[in-house]
């Protein structure tokens, strides 16, 4: 029950009605016995600074950012984590008496999810499909966590090239860009990969039959497959992986673990991820 000692957290976005974050964090607070509340705030793009000032005034201890605020929030922080500085985006803010530290937990949540299932990206060869905002955060974190090689396969080669250049300039990872239309070059990297990641919207409802992979033979060496998409959970990409005998990770894991890292930054406690998944998503 909320009272005069309840700690305030929240998420800012526009629109925001679709966000699962309030349900996820409310379940985590209740599971851990914390006197805290998490609210969703619909904040227009030109109102972000005012909203942040309001949260600081109200002594909110932290908040998340979703579209369209992740990039602009960087300029409102007093300090950025290494990943947030490289990516140029913030999805989690810690408020320490008005000192705002910005983090990006999308990528770190993704690699934490993998580690929780005993898969460490250090020294691994990775193929990432996509170069959008979430893919950018995951690509940077894969490199920071020690991936040996990262091939970014994208419909627009120039966008993948800019991301590969960013990674090469800031990490020791061997990053390269490949056009999705260059099937031969993509196939060579897929066959050599330890991990394949779908960071695109292909496979997402209402087009669940779409897939970044078209040839199941490319999975003959049984890489691990991970998908950003969580609607549906059982994407065509992951179906192909399971049919080939590969380990697979659905998009709900990434969603929960990026929230778990924000929860840890704010409270110092571990989110009971499996319990929250069951309570919120019945999975």
C-alpha atoms as a PDB file:
ATOM      1  CA  UNK A   1       0.000   0.000   0.000  1.00  0.00           C
ATOM      2  CA  UNK A   2       1.288   3.452  -0.890  1.00  0.00           C
ATOM      3  CA  UNK A   3       1.975   5.852   1.958  1.00  0.00           C
ATOM      4  CA  UNK A   4       4.129   8.855   2.817  1.00  0.00           C
ATOM      5  CA  UNK A   5       7.292   6.746   2.486  1.00  0.00           C
ATOM      6  CA  UNK A   6       6.561   5.239  -0.920  1.00  0.00           C
ATOM      7  CA  UNK A   7       9.410   5.655  -3.429  1.00  0.00           C
ATOM      8  CA  UNK A   8       8.448   6.866  -6.897  1.00  0.00           C
ATOM      9  CA  UNK A   9       9.717   5.382 -10.171  1.00  0.00           C
ATOM     10  CA  UNK A  10       8.282   5.599 -13.663  1.00  0.00           C
ATOM     11  CA  UNK A  11       8.631   5.490 -17.428  1.00  0.00           C
ATOM     12  CA  UNK A  12       8.403   8.409 -19.867  1.00  0.00           C
ATOM     13  CA  UNK A  13       7.339   7.945 -23.470  1.00  0.00           C
ATOM     14  CA  UNK A  14       4.924   9.037 -26.179  1.00  0.00           C
ATOM     15  CA  UNK A  15       2.800   7.046 -26.655  1.00  0.00           C
ATOM     16  CA  UNK A  16       3.134   4.990 -23.476  1.00  0.00           C
ATOM     17  CA  UNK A  17      -0.093   2.970 -23.119  1.00  0.00           C
ATOM     18  CA  UNK A  18       1.569  -0.129 -24.616  1.00  0.00           C
ATOM     19  CA  UNK A  19       4.357  -0.325 -22.004  1.00  0.00           C
ATOM     20  CA  UNK A  20       4.755  -3.486 -19.916  1.00  0.00           C
ATOM     21  CA  UNK A  21       7.166  -1.718 -17.548  1.00  0.00           C
ATOM     22  CA  UNK A  22       4.601  -0.739 -14.878  1.00  0.00           C
ATOM     23  CA  UNK A  23       3.369  -4.320 -14.596  1.00  0.00           C
ATOM     24  CA  UNK A  24       6.910  -5.735 -14.530  1.00  0.00           C
ATOM     25  CA  UNK A  25       8.234  -3.392 -11.860  1.00  0.00           C
ATOM     26  CA  UNK A  26       5.088  -3.497  -9.739  1.00  0.00           C
ATOM     27  CA  UNK A  27       5.346  -7.294  -9.634  1.00  0.00           C
ATOM     28  CA  UNK A  28       9.041  -7.036  -8.717  1.00  0.00           C
ATOM     29  CA  UNK A  29       8.452  -4.487  -5.947  1.00  0.00           C
ATOM     30  CA  UNK A  30       5.728  -6.667  -4.448  1.00  0.00           C
ATOM     31  CA  UNK A  31       7.817  -9.835  -4.720  1.00  0.00           C
ATOM     32  CA  UNK A  32      10.732  -8.152  -2.918  1.00  0.00           C
ATOM     33  CA  UNK A  33       8.568  -6.415  -0.332  1.00  0.00           C
ATOM     34  CA  UNK A  34       9.574  -2.892  -1.378  1.00  0.00           C
ATOM     35  CA  UNK A  35       7.475   0.170  -0.627  1.00  0.00           C
ATOM     36  CA  UNK A  36       7.626   1.638  -4.133  1.00  0.00           C
ATOM     37  CA  UNK A  37       5.387   2.495  -7.050  1.00  0.00           C
ATOM     38  CA  UNK A  38       6.040   2.694 -10.789  1.00  0.00           C
ATOM     39  CA  UNK A  39       3.897   4.880 -13.047  1.00  0.00           C
ATOM     40  CA  UNK A  40       3.697   5.494 -16.794  1.00  0.00           C
ATOM     41  CA  UNK A  41       3.835   9.125 -17.945  1.00  0.00           C
ATOM     42  CA  UNK A  42       2.813  10.137 -21.468  1.00  0.00           C
ATOM     43  CA  UNK A  43       5.265  12.956 -22.225  1.00  0.00           C
ATOM     44  CA  UNK A  44       5.394  14.719 -25.583  1.00  0.00           C
ATOM     45  CA  UNK A  45       8.817  15.068 -27.182  1.00  0.00           C
ATOM     46  CA  UNK A  46       9.075  18.803 -26.497  1.00  0.00           C
ATOM     47  CA  UNK A  47       8.073  18.371 -22.844  1.00  0.00           C
ATOM     48  CA  UNK A  48      10.828  15.998 -21.703  1.00  0.00           C
ATOM     49  CA  UNK A  49      12.947  18.568 -19.863  1.00  0.00           C
ATOM     50  CA  UNK A  50       9.942  19.811 -17.896  1.00  0.00           C
ATOM     51  CA  UNK A  51       8.954  16.239 -17.024  1.00  0.00           C
ATOM     52  CA  UNK A  52      12.469  15.438 -15.807  1.00  0.00           C
ATOM     53  CA  UNK A  53      12.548  18.599 -13.695  1.00  0.00           C
ATOM     54  CA  UNK A  54       9.235  17.523 -12.190  1.00  0.00           C
ATOM     55  CA  UNK A  55      10.512  14.041 -11.338  1.00  0.00           C
ATOM     56  CA  UNK A  56      13.604  15.521  -9.678  1.00  0.00           C
ATOM     57  CA  UNK A  57      11.409  17.904  -7.676  1.00  0.00           C
ATOM     58  CA  UNK A  58       9.226  14.973  -6.594  1.00  0.00           C
ATOM     59  CA  UNK A  59      12.393  13.061  -5.593  1.00  0.00           C
ATOM     60  CA  UNK A  60      11.670  10.141  -7.918  1.00  0.00           C
ATOM     61  CA  UNK A  61      14.641   7.800  -7.468  1.00  0.00           C
ATOM     62  CA  UNK A  62      14.722   6.687 -11.082  1.00  0.00           C
ATOM     63  CA  UNK A  63      12.855   6.341 -14.328  1.00  0.00           C
ATOM     64  CA  UNK A  64      12.926   4.647 -17.691  1.00  0.00           C
ATOM     65  CA  UNK A  65      12.760   6.260 -21.119  1.00  0.00           C
ATOM     66  CA  UNK A  66      11.202   4.858 -24.242  1.00  0.00           C
ATOM     67  CA  UNK A  67      10.576   6.425 -27.637  1.00  0.00           C
ATOM     68  CA  UNK A  68      11.022   9.246 -28.468  1.00  0.00           C
ATOM     69  CA  UNK A  69      13.141  10.302 -25.480  1.00  0.00           C
ATOM     70  CA  UNK A  70      16.191   8.022 -25.295  1.00  0.00           C
ATOM     71  CA  UNK A  71      18.565  10.242 -27.260  1.00  0.00           C
ATOM     72  CA  UNK A  72      17.510  13.604 -25.788  1.00  0.00           C
ATOM     73  CA  UNK A  73      17.811  12.258 -22.237  1.00  0.00           C
ATOM     74  CA  UNK A  74      21.574  11.956 -22.721  1.00  0.00           C
ATOM     75  CA  UNK A  75      21.873  15.738 -22.709  1.00  0.00           C
ATOM     76  CA  UNK A  76      19.860  16.032 -19.490  1.00  0.00           C
ATOM     77  CA  UNK A  77      22.088  13.674 -17.488  1.00  0.00           C
ATOM     78  CA  UNK A  78      25.043  14.721 -15.355  1.00  0.00           C
ATOM     79  CA  UNK A  79      26.838  11.447 -16.049  1.00  0.00           C
ATOM     80  CA  UNK A  80      26.555   8.573 -18.534  1.00  0.00           C
ATOM     81  CA  UNK A  81      27.554   4.930 -18.308  1.00  0.00           C
ATOM     82  CA  UNK A  82      30.149   3.743 -20.804  1.00  0.00           C
ATOM     83  CA  UNK A  83      27.556   1.978 -22.950  1.00  0.00           C
ATOM     84  CA  UNK A  84      25.132   4.916 -22.891  1.00  0.00           C
ATOM     85  CA  UNK A  85      27.892   7.289 -23.965  1.00  0.00           C
ATOM     86  CA  UNK A  86      28.869   5.081 -26.909  1.00  0.00           C
ATOM     87  CA  UNK A  87      25.308   4.293 -27.983  1.00  0.00           C
ATOM     88  CA  UNK A  88      24.164   7.879 -27.514  1.00  0.00           C
ATOM     89  CA  UNK A  89      20.952   6.845 -25.774  1.00  0.00           C
ATOM     90  CA  UNK A  90      19.582   6.417 -22.252  1.00  0.00           C
ATOM     91  CA  UNK A  91      16.719   4.182 -21.175  1.00  0.00           C
ATOM     92  CA  UNK A  92      17.330   4.227 -17.404  1.00  0.00           C
ATOM     93  CA  UNK A  93      18.085   7.166 -15.099  1.00  0.00           C
ATOM     94  CA  UNK A  94      19.264   6.986 -11.489  1.00  0.00           C
ATOM     95  CA  UNK A  95      18.492  10.131  -9.484  1.00  0.00           C
ATOM     96  CA  UNK A  96      20.884  10.646  -6.568  1.00  0.00           C
ATOM     97  CA  UNK A  97      19.665  13.853  -4.924  1.00  0.00           C
ATOM     98  CA  UNK A  98      19.473  15.641  -8.264  1.00  0.00           C
ATOM     99  CA  UNK A  99      22.586  14.074  -9.811  1.00  0.00           C
ATOM    100  CA  UNK A 100      21.288  12.135 -12.817  1.00  0.00           C
ATOM    101  CA  UNK A 101      23.206   9.150 -14.173  1.00  0.00           C
ATOM    102  CA  UNK A 102      22.045   7.714 -17.482  1.00  0.00           C
ATOM    103  CA  UNK A 103      22.321   4.053 -18.411  1.00  0.00           C
ATOM    104  CA  UNK A 104      21.267   1.937 -21.379  1.00  0.00           C
ATOM    105  CA  UNK A 105      20.119  -1.485 -20.160  1.00  0.00           C
ATOM    106  CA  UNK A 106      18.815  -2.875 -23.469  1.00  0.00           C
ATOM    107  CA  UNK A 107      22.162  -4.386 -24.420  1.00  0.00           C
ATOM    108  CA  UNK A 108      23.305  -5.256 -20.910  1.00  0.00           C
ATOM    109  CA  UNK A 109      19.953  -6.904 -20.256  1.00  0.00           C
ATOM    110  CA  UNK A 110      20.338  -8.980 -23.394  1.00  0.00           C
ATOM    111  CA  UNK A 111      23.789 -10.280 -22.439  1.00  0.00           C
ATOM    112  CA  UNK A 112      22.679 -10.800 -18.810  1.00  0.00           C
ATOM    113  CA  UNK A 113      19.821 -12.955 -20.107  1.00  0.00           C
ATOM    114  CA  UNK A 114      22.313 -15.073 -22.045  1.00  0.00           C
ATOM    115  CA  UNK A 115      24.656 -15.417 -19.045  1.00  0.00           C
ATOM    116  CA  UNK A 116      21.733 -16.493 -16.861  1.00  0.00           C
ATOM    117  CA  UNK A 117      21.324 -19.400 -19.288  1.00  0.00           C
ATOM    118  CA  UNK A 118      25.054 -20.201 -19.199  1.00  0.00           C
ATOM    119  CA  UNK A 119      25.980 -18.582 -22.503  1.00  0.00           C
ATOM    120  CA  UNK A 120      28.812 -16.046 -22.319  1.00  0.00           C
ATOM    121  CA  UNK A 121      29.443 -13.921 -25.412  1.00  0.00           C
ATOM    122  CA  UNK A 122      33.127 -13.446 -24.579  1.00  0.00           C
ATOM    123  CA  UNK A 123      35.234 -14.768 -27.443  1.00  0.00           C
ATOM    124  CA  UNK A 124      32.164 -15.663 -29.510  1.00  0.00           C
ATOM    125  CA  UNK A 125      31.354 -14.879 -33.143  1.00  0.00           C
ATOM    126  CA  UNK A 126      27.986 -13.140 -33.480  1.00  0.00           C
ATOM    127  CA  UNK A 127      25.713 -12.268 -36.400  1.00  0.00           C
ATOM    128  CA  UNK A 128      23.209  -9.522 -35.628  1.00  0.00           C
ATOM    129  CA  UNK A 129      20.352  -8.826 -38.021  1.00  0.00           C
ATOM    130  CA  UNK A 130      19.303  -5.179 -37.849  1.00  0.00           C
ATOM    131  CA  UNK A 131      20.857  -1.853 -36.953  1.00  0.00           C
ATOM    132  CA  UNK A 132      18.009   0.083 -35.327  1.00  0.00           C
ATOM    133  CA  UNK A 133      17.931   1.556 -31.818  1.00  0.00           C
ATOM    134  CA  UNK A 134      17.683  -1.650 -29.766  1.00  0.00           C
ATOM    135  CA  UNK A 135      20.051  -3.494 -32.118  1.00  0.00           C
ATOM    136  CA  UNK A 136      22.555  -0.650 -31.730  1.00  0.00           C
ATOM    137  CA  UNK A 137      22.485  -0.978 -27.934  1.00  0.00           C
ATOM    138  CA  UNK A 138      22.863  -4.765 -28.093  1.00  0.00           C
ATOM    139  CA  UNK A 139      25.691  -4.546 -30.647  1.00  0.00           C
ATOM    140  CA  UNK A 140      27.671  -2.175 -28.448  1.00  0.00           C
ATOM    141  CA  UNK A 141      27.151  -4.316 -25.342  1.00  0.00           C
ATOM    142  CA  UNK A 142      28.131  -7.517 -27.149  1.00  0.00           C
ATOM    143  CA  UNK A 143      31.395  -5.807 -28.099  1.00  0.00           C
ATOM    144  CA  UNK A 144      31.973  -4.411 -24.590  1.00  0.00           C
ATOM    145  CA  UNK A 145      31.348  -7.872 -23.132  1.00  0.00           C
ATOM    146  CA  UNK A 146      34.088  -9.363 -25.279  1.00  0.00           C
ATOM    147  CA  UNK A 147      32.502 -10.772 -28.433  1.00  0.00           C
ATOM    148  CA  UNK A 148      35.391 -11.595 -30.762  1.00  0.00           C
ATOM    149  CA  UNK A 149      33.586 -10.769 -33.997  1.00  0.00           C
ATOM    150  CA  UNK A 150      30.296  -9.109 -34.849  1.00  0.00           C
ATOM    151  CA  UNK A 151      28.707  -9.131 -38.300  1.00  0.00           C
ATOM    152  CA  UNK A 152      25.855  -6.642 -38.644  1.00  0.00           C
ATOM    153  CA  UNK A 153      23.479  -7.693 -41.423  1.00  0.00           C
ATOM    154  CA  UNK A 154      21.043  -4.991 -42.437  1.00  0.00           C
ATOM    155  CA  UNK A 155      18.829  -4.021 -45.338  1.00  0.00           C
ATOM    156  CA  UNK A 156      20.565  -0.614 -45.512  1.00  0.00           C
ATOM    157  CA  UNK A 157      24.302  -1.259 -45.690  1.00  0.00           C
ATOM    158  CA  UNK A 158      25.281   2.309 -44.795  1.00  0.00           C
ATOM    159  CA  UNK A 159      23.427   2.134 -41.477  1.00  0.00           C
ATOM    160  CA  UNK A 160      25.122  -1.144 -40.592  1.00  0.00           C
ATOM    161  CA  UNK A 161      28.446   0.377 -41.647  1.00  0.00           C
ATOM    162  CA  UNK A 162      28.063   3.319 -39.286  1.00  0.00           C
ATOM    163  CA  UNK A 163      27.321   0.964 -36.399  1.00  0.00           C
ATOM    164  CA  UNK A 164      30.288  -1.266 -37.254  1.00  0.00           C
ATOM    165  CA  UNK A 165      32.537   1.806 -37.385  1.00  0.00           C
ATOM    166  CA  UNK A 166      31.250   2.967 -33.995  1.00  0.00           C
ATOM    167  CA  UNK A 167      32.046  -0.401 -32.451  1.00  0.00           C
ATOM    168  CA  UNK A 168      35.487  -0.606 -34.045  1.00  0.00           C
ATOM    169  CA  UNK A 169      36.341   2.875 -32.782  1.00  0.00           C
ATOM    170  CA  UNK A 170      35.346   2.119 -29.178  1.00  0.00           C
ATOM    171  CA  UNK A 171      36.045  -1.583 -28.609  1.00  0.00           C
ATOM    172  CA  UNK A 172      38.412  -4.370 -29.609  1.00  0.00           C
ATOM    173  CA  UNK A 173      35.644  -6.310 -31.373  1.00  0.00           C
ATOM    174  CA  UNK A 174      36.090  -7.135 -35.073  1.00  0.00           C
ATOM    175  CA  UNK A 175      32.917  -5.536 -36.441  1.00  0.00           C
ATOM    176  CA  UNK A 176      31.789  -5.607 -40.054  1.00  0.00           C
ATOM    177  CA  UNK A 177      28.703  -4.627 -42.036  1.00  0.00           C
ATOM    178  CA  UNK A 178      26.931  -6.854 -44.561  1.00  0.00           C
ATOM    179  CA  UNK A 179      23.973  -5.994 -46.762  1.00  0.00           C
ATOM    180  CA  UNK A 180      20.994  -8.298 -46.275  1.00  0.00           C
ATOM    181  CA  UNK A 181      20.889  -8.692 -50.050  1.00  0.00           C
ATOM    182  CA  UNK A 182      24.458 -10.073 -50.070  1.00  0.00           C
ATOM    183  CA  UNK A 183      23.357 -13.632 -49.380  1.00  0.00           C
ATOM    184  CA  UNK A 184      26.784 -15.183 -49.957  1.00  0.00           C
ATOM    185  CA  UNK A 185      28.616 -12.923 -47.502  1.00  0.00           C
ATOM    186  CA  UNK A 186      25.846 -13.291 -44.929  1.00  0.00           C
ATOM    187  CA  UNK A 187      25.837 -17.095 -45.279  1.00  0.00           C
ATOM    188  CA  UNK A 188      29.587 -17.283 -44.653  1.00  0.00           C
ATOM    189  CA  UNK A 189      29.247 -15.412 -41.373  1.00  0.00           C
ATOM    190  CA  UNK A 190      26.118 -17.303 -40.279  1.00  0.00           C
ATOM    191  CA  UNK A 191      27.840 -20.665 -40.787  1.00  0.00           C
ATOM    192  CA  UNK A 192      30.794 -19.505 -38.672  1.00  0.00           C
ATOM    193  CA  UNK A 193      28.681 -17.914 -35.912  1.00  0.00           C
ATOM    194  CA  UNK A 194      28.179 -19.037 -32.316  1.00  0.00           C
ATOM    195  CA  UNK A 195      25.179 -16.731 -31.863  1.00  0.00           C
ATOM    196  CA  UNK A 196      22.540 -15.382 -34.265  1.00  0.00           C
ATOM    197  CA  UNK A 197      20.389 -12.467 -33.122  1.00  0.00           C
ATOM    198  CA  UNK A 198      17.263 -11.150 -34.812  1.00  0.00           C
ATOM    199  CA  UNK A 199      17.174  -7.454 -33.997  1.00  0.00           C
ATOM    200  CA  UNK A 200      14.601  -6.631 -36.688  1.00  0.00           C
ATOM    201  CA  UNK A 201      10.799  -6.591 -36.681  1.00  0.00           C
ATOM    202  CA  UNK A 202      10.639  -9.552 -39.042  1.00  0.00           C
ATOM    203  CA  UNK A 203       8.481 -12.224 -37.447  1.00  0.00           C
ATOM    204  CA  UNK A 204       6.481  -9.749 -35.371  1.00  0.00           C
ATOM    205  CA  UNK A 205       2.677  -9.754 -35.455  1.00  0.00           C
ATOM    206  CA  UNK A 206       0.784  -9.151 -37.697  1.00  0.00           C
ATOM    207  CA  UNK A 207       3.403 -10.729 -40.008  1.00  0.00           C
ATOM    208  CA  UNK A 208       4.569 -13.777 -38.038  1.00  0.00           C
ATOM    209  CA  UNK A 209       5.583 -15.753 -41.117  1.00  0.00           C
ATOM    210  CA  UNK A 210       8.374 -13.345 -42.055  1.00  0.00           C
ATOM    211  CA  UNK A 211      11.934 -14.253 -41.102  1.00  0.00           C
ATOM    212  CA  UNK A 212      15.493 -12.992 -41.554  1.00  0.00           C
ATOM    213  CA  UNK A 213      16.567 -16.553 -42.355  1.00  0.00           C
ATOM    214  CA  UNK A 214      15.315 -18.359 -45.430  1.00  0.00           C
ATOM    215  CA  UNK A 215      17.613 -21.399 -45.611  1.00  0.00           C
ATOM    216  CA  UNK A 216      17.548 -23.848 -42.647  1.00  0.00           C
ATOM    217  CA  UNK A 217      20.792 -25.389 -43.914  1.00  0.00           C
ATOM    218  CA  UNK A 218      22.626 -22.329 -42.596  1.00  0.00           C
ATOM    219  CA  UNK A 219      21.928 -23.634 -39.079  1.00  0.00           C
ATOM    220  CA  UNK A 220      23.802 -26.887 -39.593  1.00  0.00           C
ATOM    221  CA  UNK A 221      26.506 -25.893 -37.087  1.00  0.00           C
ATOM    222  CA  UNK A 222      23.854 -25.295 -34.415  1.00  0.00           C
ATOM    223  CA  UNK A 223      24.453 -21.723 -33.271  1.00  0.00           C
ATOM    224  CA  UNK A 224      22.418 -20.244 -30.433  1.00  0.00           C
ATOM    225  CA  UNK A 225      19.463 -18.135 -31.678  1.00  0.00           C
ATOM    226  CA  UNK A 226      17.995 -15.135 -29.854  1.00  0.00           C
ATOM    227  CA  UNK A 227      15.108 -12.933 -30.950  1.00  0.00           C
ATOM    228  CA  UNK A 228      14.067  -9.413 -29.918  1.00  0.00           C
ATOM    229  CA  UNK A 229      10.458 -10.132 -30.934  1.00  0.00           C
ATOM    230  CA  UNK A 230       8.071 -11.213 -28.166  1.00  0.00           C
ATOM    231  CA  UNK A 231       4.763 -11.035 -30.038  1.00  0.00           C
ATOM    232  CA  UNK A 232       4.564 -13.858 -30.900  1.00  0.00           C
ATOM    233  CA  UNK A 233       7.019 -15.570 -28.565  1.00  0.00           C
ATOM    234  CA  UNK A 234       7.420 -18.509 -30.918  1.00  0.00           C
ATOM    235  CA  UNK A 235       8.715 -16.661 -33.986  1.00  0.00           C
ATOM    236  CA  UNK A 236       9.533 -18.325 -37.269  1.00  0.00           C
ATOM    237  CA  UNK A 237      13.209 -17.513 -36.606  1.00  0.00           C
ATOM    238  CA  UNK A 238      13.162 -19.465 -33.327  1.00  0.00           C
ATOM    239  CA  UNK A 239      11.073 -22.277 -34.837  1.00  0.00           C
ATOM    240  CA  UNK A 240      13.761 -22.789 -37.477  1.00  0.00           C
ATOM    241  CA  UNK A 241      16.381 -22.888 -34.748  1.00  0.00           C
ATOM    242  CA  UNK A 242      14.581 -25.477 -32.672  1.00  0.00           C
ATOM    243  CA  UNK A 243      13.913 -27.623 -35.733  1.00  0.00           C
ATOM    244  CA  UNK A 244      17.663 -27.574 -36.405  1.00  0.00           C
ATOM    245  CA  UNK A 245      18.479 -28.540 -32.803  1.00  0.00           C
ATOM    246  CA  UNK A 246      19.711 -25.081 -31.727  1.00  0.00           C
ATOM    247  CA  UNK A 247      19.260 -23.449 -28.328  1.00  0.00           C
ATOM    248  CA  UNK A 248      16.840 -20.515 -28.581  1.00  0.00           C
ATOM    249  CA  UNK A 249      15.913 -17.471 -26.484  1.00  0.00           C
ATOM    250  CA  UNK A 250      12.683 -15.531 -27.008  1.00  0.00           C
ATOM    251  CA  UNK A 251      12.235 -11.762 -26.885  1.00  0.00           C
ATOM    252  CA  UNK A 252      10.481 -11.781 -23.534  1.00  0.00           C
ATOM    253  CA  UNK A 253      13.783 -12.616 -21.871  1.00  0.00           C
ATOM    254  CA  UNK A 254      15.425  -9.451 -23.190  1.00  0.00           C
ATOM    255  CA  UNK A 255      12.418  -7.342 -22.145  1.00  0.00           C
ATOM    256  CA  UNK A 256      12.510  -8.700 -18.600  1.00  0.00           C
ATOM    257  CA  UNK A 257      16.268  -8.586 -18.132  1.00  0.00           C
ATOM    258  CA  UNK A 258      16.660  -4.977 -19.263  1.00  0.00           C
ATOM    259  CA  UNK A 259      14.046  -4.186 -16.627  1.00  0.00           C
ATOM    260  CA  UNK A 260      15.892  -6.327 -14.087  1.00  0.00           C
ATOM    261  CA  UNK A 261      19.078  -4.312 -14.567  1.00  0.00           C
ATOM    262  CA  UNK A 262      17.198  -1.036 -14.085  1.00  0.00           C
ATOM    263  CA  UNK A 263      15.622  -2.519 -10.937  1.00  0.00           C
ATOM    264  CA  UNK A 264      19.085  -3.426  -9.633  1.00  0.00           C
ATOM    265  CA  UNK A 265      20.462   0.059 -10.357  1.00  0.00           C
ATOM    266  CA  UNK A 266      17.576   1.661  -8.442  1.00  0.00           C
ATOM    267  CA  UNK A 267      17.118  -0.696  -5.504  1.00  0.00           C
ATOM    268  CA  UNK A 268      20.355  -2.667  -5.226  1.00  0.00           C
ATOM    269  CA  UNK A 269      18.259  -5.833  -5.270  1.00  0.00           C
ATOM    270  CA  UNK A 270      17.866  -8.627  -7.802  1.00  0.00           C
ATOM    271  CA  UNK A 271      14.578  -8.843  -9.647  1.00  0.00           C
ATOM    272  CA  UNK A 272      13.068 -12.350  -9.395  1.00  0.00           C
ATOM    273  CA  UNK A 273      12.877 -12.608 -13.176  1.00  0.00           C
ATOM    274  CA  UNK A 274      11.265 -16.036 -13.430  1.00  0.00           C
ATOM    275  CA  UNK A 275       8.562 -15.133 -10.888  1.00  0.00           C
ATOM    276  CA  UNK A 276       7.842 -11.804 -12.599  1.00  0.00           C
ATOM    277  CA  UNK A 277       7.640 -13.513 -16.002  1.00  0.00           C
ATOM    278  CA  UNK A 278       5.109 -15.983 -14.659  1.00  0.00           C
ATOM    279  CA  UNK A 279       3.027 -13.358 -12.876  1.00  0.00           C
ATOM    280  CA  UNK A 280       2.917 -10.766 -15.672  1.00  0.00           C
ATOM    281  CA  UNK A 281       3.043 -12.926 -18.793  1.00  0.00           C
ATOM    282  CA  UNK A 282       1.943 -16.343 -17.462  1.00  0.00           C
ATOM    283  CA  UNK A 283       4.949 -17.918 -19.174  1.00  0.00           C
END
